Amino acid sequence: MAVPEGSVRISPSLFLTLPKPATLGRSLEASQLITAHYGDQTFVFEGHVSATPDRLLLLGLDGMGRKALTVSWDEGGIHAETAPWLPQQLRPENMLADIVMIYWPADQVNAALAASGGHVTVSGHSRSISDAKGEVIHADYSADDPWNGSLQYRNLAWGYGLDVQSVEAKP
């Protein structure tokens, strides 16, 4: 199955059409501590997310404070700058897809999955994304507001996970 322009493959059978940043439904500034797990490898980095209706900006720093990446997503598309030492498998559009699946309202995620037949189910403090065969992505949240607290995110199809601690800056 070919992936349409503006979409990101999130599993062998599903793609997510990236919605507009405005569909998050709010503006925010958040800082995060992210632990990524892939196979027997673990990476820890700091993330900063700035979202307005017009743009989402993601800044990633490695454990030594070096800038690993900057991703800007707006009406003009996705613009990314990555450090030369960052693994090529870490693609900005996939990071944005993960952010959408974790933090966007469930109805917006369902709309973004509809063209590939995926759907999101929310139950208490968890979110599951499934295809026709079953669950491919799962997230568990420690609180009602995922921007303030911790979460565990697992992409079962691609075999990686994220443990995220977030705090939203208050105006």
Protein backbone atom coordinates (compact mmCIF):
# COMPACT_ATOMS: atom_id res chain seq x y z
CA MET A 1 0.00 0.00 0.00
CA ALA A 2 1.46 3.34 -1.06
CA VAL A 3 1.46 6.11 1.53
CA PRO A 4 -0.31 9.27 0.32
CA GLU A 5 1.52 12.58 0.40
CA GLY A 6 1.24 14.22 3.83
CA SER A 7 0.96 10.83 5.53
CA VAL A 8 3.35 8.72 7.60
CA ARG A 9 3.50 4.92 7.79
CA ILE A 10 2.99 3.94 11.46
CA SER A 11 2.85 0.16 10.96
CA PRO A 12 3.07 -2.22 7.99
CA SER A 13 -0.69 -1.83 7.43
CA LEU A 14 -1.47 1.70 8.69
CA PHE A 15 -0.59 5.26 7.85
CA LEU A 16 -1.52 8.47 9.61
CA THR A 17 -2.40 11.57 7.62
CA LEU A 18 -0.77 14.41 9.54
CA PRO A 19 -3.50 16.85 10.60
CA LYS A 20 -2.93 20.59 10.82
CA PRO A 21 -1.25 21.79 14.03
CA ALA A 22 -4.44 23.74 14.87
CA THR A 23 -6.35 20.48 15.35
CA LEU A 24 -4.51 19.99 18.65
CA GLY A 25 -7.10 22.50 19.86
CA ARG A 26 -4.80 24.58 22.06
CA SER A 27 -1.48 26.37 22.33
CA LEU A 28 1.17 25.15 24.76
CA GLU A 29 4.80 25.02 25.79
CA ALA A 30 6.03 21.77 27.33
CA SER A 31 9.34 20.25 28.41
CA GLN A 32 9.89 16.51 28.32
CA LEU A 33 12.35 13.86 29.40
CA ILE A 34 12.13 11.04 26.85
CA THR A 35 13.60 7.57 27.13
CA ALA A 36 13.42 5.70 23.83
CA HIS A 37 13.78 1.91 23.67
CA TYR A 38 14.54 0.00 20.49
CA GLY A 39 15.71 -3.59 20.75
CA ASP A 40 18.47 -3.64 23.34
CA GLN A 41 19.28 0.07 22.82
CA THR A 42 18.14 2.90 25.06
CA PHE A 43 18.40 6.60 24.26
CA VAL A 44 17.58 9.45 26.65
CA PHE A 45 16.96 12.97 25.44
CA GLU A 46 15.24 16.19 26.39
CA GLY A 47 12.40 17.53 24.28
CA HIS A 48 10.75 20.92 24.10
CA VAL A 49 7.40 21.31 22.34
CA SER A 50 5.87 24.63 21.38
CA ALA A 51 2.44 24.51 19.74
CA THR A 52 0.21 27.24 18.36
CA PRO A 53 -2.66 26.93 15.87
CA ASP A 54 -0.18 27.89 13.11
CA ARG A 55 2.86 25.80 13.99
CA LEU A 56 4.37 23.04 16.09
CA LEU A 57 8.05 23.34 16.97
CA LEU A 58 10.01 20.42 18.42
CA LEU A 59 13.52 20.80 19.80
CA GLY A 60 15.50 17.75 20.91
CA LEU A 61 18.68 17.81 23.01
CA ASP A 62 20.88 14.83 23.78
CA GLY A 63 22.01 13.88 27.29
CA MET A 64 24.95 16.29 27.07
CA GLY A 65 22.77 19.23 26.05
CA ARG A 66 23.75 19.17 22.36
CA LYS A 67 20.99 20.07 19.89
CA ALA A 68 20.02 16.83 18.17
CA LEU A 69 17.16 18.16 16.08
CA THR A 70 14.78 20.96 15.37
CA VAL A 71 11.48 20.19 13.63
CA SER A 72 9.05 22.87 12.53
CA TRP A 73 5.64 21.85 11.18
CA ASP A 74 3.29 24.41 9.66
CA GLU A 75 1.16 25.08 6.56
CA GLY A 76 4.35 24.99 4.48
CA GLY A 77 5.14 21.43 5.56
CA ILE A 78 7.78 19.83 7.77
CA HIS A 79 11.20 21.46 8.05
CA ALA A 80 13.91 19.65 9.99
CA GLU A 81 17.53 20.15 10.96
CA THR A 82 19.25 17.12 12.46
CA ALA A 83 22.70 16.67 13.93
CA PRO A 84 25.02 14.55 11.76
CA TRP A 85 25.42 12.01 14.58
CA LEU A 86 21.68 11.37 14.83
CA PRO A 87 20.65 7.95 13.41
CA GLN A 88 19.06 8.27 9.96
CA GLN A 89 16.23 5.96 11.06
CA LEU A 90 14.99 8.74 13.37
CA ARG A 91 12.76 10.55 10.91
CA PRO A 92 11.06 13.88 11.80
CA GLU A 93 7.73 12.93 10.20
CA ASN A 94 7.58 9.78 12.34
CA MET A 95 8.27 11.82 15.48
CA LEU A 96 5.38 14.12 14.55
CA ALA A 97 3.12 11.11 13.94
CA ASP A 98 4.00 9.77 17.41
CA ILE A 99 3.20 13.16 18.96
CA VAL A 100 -0.16 13.25 17.16
CA MET A 101 -1.05 9.71 18.23
CA ILE A 102 -0.10 10.44 21.85
CA TYR A 103 -1.42 13.96 22.40
CA TRP A 104 -4.04 14.90 19.81
CA PRO A 105 -7.75 14.52 20.64
CA ALA A 106 -8.98 11.01 19.85
CA ASP A 107 -11.47 12.21 17.21
CA GLN A 108 -8.63 13.93 15.33
CA VAL A 109 -6.49 10.78 15.53
CA ASN A 110 -9.40 8.70 14.20
CA ALA A 111 -9.81 11.11 11.29
CA ALA A 112 -6.06 10.92 10.59
CA LEU A 113 -6.18 7.10 10.53
CA ALA A 114 -9.44 6.70 8.58
CA ALA A 115 -7.94 6.49 5.08
CA SER A 116 -5.88 3.43 6.06
CA GLY A 117 -8.61 1.72 8.11
CA GLY A 118 -7.11 2.29 11.55
CA HIS A 119 -8.94 3.46 14.64
CA VAL A 120 -8.16 4.69 18.13
CA THR A 121 -9.83 3.44 21.30
CA VAL A 122 -9.59 5.35 24.57
CA SER A 123 -10.24 3.62 27.88
CA GLY A 124 -9.50 5.39 31.15
CA HIS A 125 -5.86 6.47 31.02
CA SER A 126 -4.92 4.42 27.96
CA ARG A 127 -5.11 4.78 24.21
CA SER A 128 -4.87 1.99 21.66
CA ILE A 129 -4.53 2.19 17.87
CA SER A 130 -5.59 -0.88 15.93
CA ASP A 131 -5.80 -2.18 12.40
CA ALA A 132 -8.07 -4.99 11.19
CA LYS A 133 -5.84 -7.60 12.88
CA GLY A 134 -5.54 -5.92 16.29
CA GLU A 135 -3.55 -3.45 18.36
CA VAL A 136 -0.43 -1.92 16.82
CA ILE A 137 0.15 1.04 19.17
CA HIS A 138 -0.56 1.43 22.88
CA ALA A 139 -0.13 4.32 25.32
CA ASP A 140 -0.73 4.42 29.09
CA TYR A 141 -0.97 7.80 30.83
CA SER A 142 -0.42 8.59 34.50
CA ALA A 143 -2.92 11.47 34.53
CA ASP A 144 -5.90 12.96 32.70
CA ASP A 145 -3.65 15.57 31.07
CA PRO A 146 -0.87 13.81 29.11
CA TRP A 147 1.14 17.06 28.92
CA ASN A 148 1.57 16.94 32.72
CA GLY A 149 2.69 13.55 33.94
CA SER A 150 4.26 10.43 32.55
CA LEU A 151 3.30 8.03 29.82
CA GLN A 152 4.44 4.78 28.29
CA TYR A 153 4.04 4.51 24.52
CA ARG A 154 4.68 1.32 22.55
CA ASN A 155 4.67 0.85 18.80
CA LEU A 156 4.13 -2.91 18.78
CA ALA A 157 4.42 -3.10 14.99
CA TRP A 158 7.85 -1.47 14.74
CA GLY A 159 9.16 -2.72 18.10
CA TYR A 160 10.01 0.52 19.87
CA GLY A 161 8.79 2.36 22.91
CA LEU A 162 8.92 5.74 24.58
CA ASP A 163 8.73 6.60 28.25
CA VAL A 164 7.91 10.29 28.53
CA GLN A 165 7.76 12.64 31.49
CA SER A 166 6.15 15.97 30.57
CA VAL A 167 5.49 19.25 32.26
CA GLU A 168 3.62 22.11 30.64
CA ALA A 169 4.90 25.63 31.24
CA LYS A 170 2.17 27.77 32.72
CA PRO A 171 1.73 31.33 31.39
